[in-house]
Amino acid sequence: MQTQQTKEQKMRPYTGGEIALTMNDVSIIVTELANEGFLVNKVVIGNAQRPTIFLFSNDKCRDLISSGKASYQHFNNVTSIKQGVFEYSGCRVVWSESLI
């Protein structure tokens, strides 16, 4: 019973203030990523505790893979796609690459 209460507490809607703070923080992080040479495509704040930032793939992304600072996840559901992923200031940062 306590496990269900914990899940329900985690599923509560975020307040406007929490979302505003998250959007402000993400805005700063997007600017930092752009200044470092990444090309930001979109941001998803589905989870205000850990937003996801989507990048366009470029050499900077592949450099992170080469240096071990990012890794690939492979998805073969419909088409062969691999997704690069790394953490940046509490955000999940991803980009997709086709294997074809």
C-alpha atoms as a PDB file:
ATOM      1  CA  MET A   1       0.000   0.000   0.000  1.00  0.00           C
ATOM      2  CA  GLN A   2       2.789   2.401   0.834  1.00  0.00           C
ATOM      3  CA  THR A   3       4.422   1.763  -2.566  1.00  0.00           C
ATOM      4  CA  GLN A   4       1.234   2.863  -4.336  1.00  0.00           C
ATOM      5  CA  GLN A   5       1.084   6.065  -2.268  1.00  0.00           C
ATOM      6  CA  THR A   6       4.686   6.819  -3.178  1.00  0.00           C
ATOM      7  CA  LYS A   7       3.894   6.358  -6.884  1.00  0.00           C
ATOM      8  CA  GLU A   8       0.852   8.603  -6.582  1.00  0.00           C
ATOM      9  CA  GLN A   9       2.902  11.274  -4.834  1.00  0.00           C
ATOM     10  CA  LYS A  10       5.490  11.153  -7.632  1.00  0.00           C
ATOM     11  CA  MET A  11       2.730  11.467 -10.242  1.00  0.00           C
ATOM     12  CA  ARG A  12       1.367  14.732  -8.891  1.00  0.00           C
ATOM     13  CA  PRO A  13       1.174  17.588 -11.390  1.00  0.00           C
ATOM     14  CA  TYR A  14       3.937  20.157 -11.293  1.00  0.00           C
ATOM     15  CA  THR A  15       3.081  23.661 -10.169  1.00  0.00           C
ATOM     16  CA  GLY A  16       3.419  26.631 -12.476  1.00  0.00           C
ATOM     17  CA  GLY A  17       6.328  27.843 -10.373  1.00  0.00           C
ATOM     18  CA  GLU A  18       8.184  24.535 -10.700  1.00  0.00           C
ATOM     19  CA  ILE A  19       7.716  24.539 -14.457  1.00  0.00           C
ATOM     20  CA  ALA A  20       8.794  28.179 -14.751  1.00  0.00           C
ATOM     21  CA  LEU A  21      11.971  27.487 -12.773  1.00  0.00           C
ATOM     22  CA  THR A  22      12.684  24.430 -14.907  1.00  0.00           C
ATOM     23  CA  MET A  23      12.146  26.386 -18.127  1.00  0.00           C
ATOM     24  CA  ASN A  24      14.491  29.099 -16.913  1.00  0.00           C
ATOM     25  CA  ASP A  25      17.164  26.546 -15.980  1.00  0.00           C
ATOM     26  CA  VAL A  26      16.783  24.731 -19.308  1.00  0.00           C
ATOM     27  CA  SER A  27      17.036  28.021 -21.194  1.00  0.00           C
ATOM     28  CA  ILE A  28      20.435  28.630 -19.588  1.00  0.00           C
ATOM     29  CA  ILE A  29      21.557  25.060 -20.362  1.00  0.00           C
ATOM     30  CA  VAL A  30      20.450  25.370 -24.010  1.00  0.00           C
ATOM     31  CA  THR A  31      22.514  28.547 -24.322  1.00  0.00           C
ATOM     32  CA  GLU A  32      25.538  26.784 -22.794  1.00  0.00           C
ATOM     33  CA  LEU A  33      25.183  23.843 -25.194  1.00  0.00           C
ATOM     34  CA  ALA A  34      24.892  26.209 -28.172  1.00  0.00           C
ATOM     35  CA  ASN A  35      28.001  28.092 -27.020  1.00  0.00           C
ATOM     36  CA  GLU A  36      29.847  24.751 -26.931  1.00  0.00           C
ATOM     37  CA  GLY A  37      28.926  24.031 -30.563  1.00  0.00           C
ATOM     38  CA  PHE A  38      25.878  21.796 -30.172  1.00  0.00           C
ATOM     39  CA  LEU A  39      22.818  22.371 -32.356  1.00  0.00           C
ATOM     40  CA  VAL A  40      19.680  22.243 -30.204  1.00  0.00           C
ATOM     41  CA  ASN A  41      16.568  20.906 -31.948  1.00  0.00           C
ATOM     42  CA  LYS A  42      13.945  20.853 -29.174  1.00  0.00           C
ATOM     43  CA  VAL A  43      13.357  20.518 -25.446  1.00  0.00           C
ATOM     44  CA  VAL A  44      10.840  18.275 -23.714  1.00  0.00           C
ATOM     45  CA  ILE A  45       9.957  19.092 -20.126  1.00  0.00           C
ATOM     46  CA  GLY A  46       7.770  16.043 -19.576  1.00  0.00           C
ATOM     47  CA  ASN A  47       9.563  15.495 -16.296  1.00  0.00           C
ATOM     48  CA  ALA A  48      10.432  18.789 -14.632  1.00  0.00           C
ATOM     49  CA  GLN A  49      13.064  16.998 -12.557  1.00  0.00           C
ATOM     50  CA  ARG A  50      14.957  15.756 -15.648  1.00  0.00           C
ATOM     51  CA  PRO A  51      14.117  17.520 -18.921  1.00  0.00           C
ATOM     52  CA  THR A  52      15.296  16.056 -22.223  1.00  0.00           C
ATOM     53  CA  ILE A  53      17.152  18.193 -24.763  1.00  0.00           C
ATOM     54  CA  PHE A  54      17.246  16.922 -28.359  1.00  0.00           C
ATOM     55  CA  LEU A  55      20.180  17.870 -30.565  1.00  0.00           C
ATOM     56  CA  PHE A  56      20.832  17.725 -34.279  1.00  0.00           C
ATOM     57  CA  SER A  57      23.685  15.283 -34.837  1.00  0.00           C
ATOM     58  CA  ASN A  58      27.019  16.896 -35.686  1.00  0.00           C
ATOM     59  CA  ASP A  59      30.766  16.315 -35.239  1.00  0.00           C
ATOM     60  CA  LYS A  60      30.599  17.675 -31.686  1.00  0.00           C
ATOM     61  CA  CYS A  61      28.203  14.844 -30.764  1.00  0.00           C
ATOM     62  CA  ARG A  62      30.444  12.215 -32.351  1.00  0.00           C
ATOM     63  CA  ASP A  63      33.432  13.667 -30.468  1.00  0.00           C
ATOM     64  CA  LEU A  64      31.598  12.936 -27.188  1.00  0.00           C
ATOM     65  CA  ILE A  65      31.148   9.309 -28.274  1.00  0.00           C
ATOM     66  CA  SER A  66      34.833   9.026 -29.195  1.00  0.00           C
ATOM     67  CA  SER A  67      35.921  10.474 -25.858  1.00  0.00           C
ATOM     68  CA  GLY A  68      33.567   8.217 -23.860  1.00  0.00           C
ATOM     69  CA  LYS A  69      31.537  11.147 -22.490  1.00  0.00           C
ATOM     70  CA  ALA A  70      28.399   9.938 -24.315  1.00  0.00           C
ATOM     71  CA  SER A  71      27.118   6.537 -25.349  1.00  0.00           C
ATOM     72  CA  TYR A  72      24.773   5.060 -27.931  1.00  0.00           C
ATOM     73  CA  GLN A  73      21.457   3.339 -27.359  1.00  0.00           C
ATOM     74  CA  HIS A  74      20.202   1.194 -30.241  1.00  0.00           C
ATOM     75  CA  PHE A  75      16.570   0.962 -31.352  1.00  0.00           C
ATOM     76  CA  ASN A  76      15.451  -1.534 -33.996  1.00  0.00           C
ATOM     77  CA  ASN A  77      11.656  -1.379 -33.679  1.00  0.00           C
ATOM     78  CA  VAL A  78      10.729   0.102 -37.054  1.00  0.00           C
ATOM     79  CA  THR A  79      13.971   1.340 -38.573  1.00  0.00           C
ATOM     80  CA  SER A  80      17.559   0.971 -37.540  1.00  0.00           C
ATOM     81  CA  ILE A  81      18.328   4.009 -35.417  1.00  0.00           C
ATOM     82  CA  LYS A  82      20.898   4.665 -32.758  1.00  0.00           C
ATOM     83  CA  GLN A  83      20.571   7.451 -30.256  1.00  0.00           C
ATOM     84  CA  GLY A  84      23.472   9.215 -28.574  1.00  0.00           C
ATOM     85  CA  VAL A  85      22.900  10.205 -24.981  1.00  0.00           C
ATOM     86  CA  PHE A  86      24.697  12.061 -22.184  1.00  0.00           C
ATOM     87  CA  GLU A  87      23.847  13.989 -19.033  1.00  0.00           C
ATOM     88  CA  TYR A  88      24.363  17.746 -18.860  1.00  0.00           C
ATOM     89  CA  SER A  89      23.514  19.822 -15.783  1.00  0.00           C
ATOM     90  CA  GLY A  90      20.734  17.460 -14.742  1.00  0.00           C
ATOM     91  CA  CYS A  91      19.241  17.153 -18.221  1.00  0.00           C
ATOM     92  CA  ARG A  92      19.198  14.146 -20.500  1.00  0.00           C
ATOM     93  CA  VAL A  93      20.678  15.198 -23.851  1.00  0.00           C
ATOM     94  CA  VAL A  94      20.052  13.025 -26.914  1.00  0.00           C
ATOM     95  CA  TRP A  95      20.446  12.924 -30.689  1.00  0.00           C
ATOM     96  CA  SER A  96      19.497  10.313 -33.268  1.00  0.00           C
ATOM     97  CA  GLU A  97      21.497   8.804 -36.092  1.00  0.00           C
ATOM     98  CA  SER A  98      20.314   6.401 -38.756  1.00  0.00           C
ATOM     99  CA  LEU A  99      22.261   3.156 -39.180  1.00  0.00           C
ATOM    100  CA  ILE A 100      21.236   2.912 -42.837  1.00  0.00           C
END
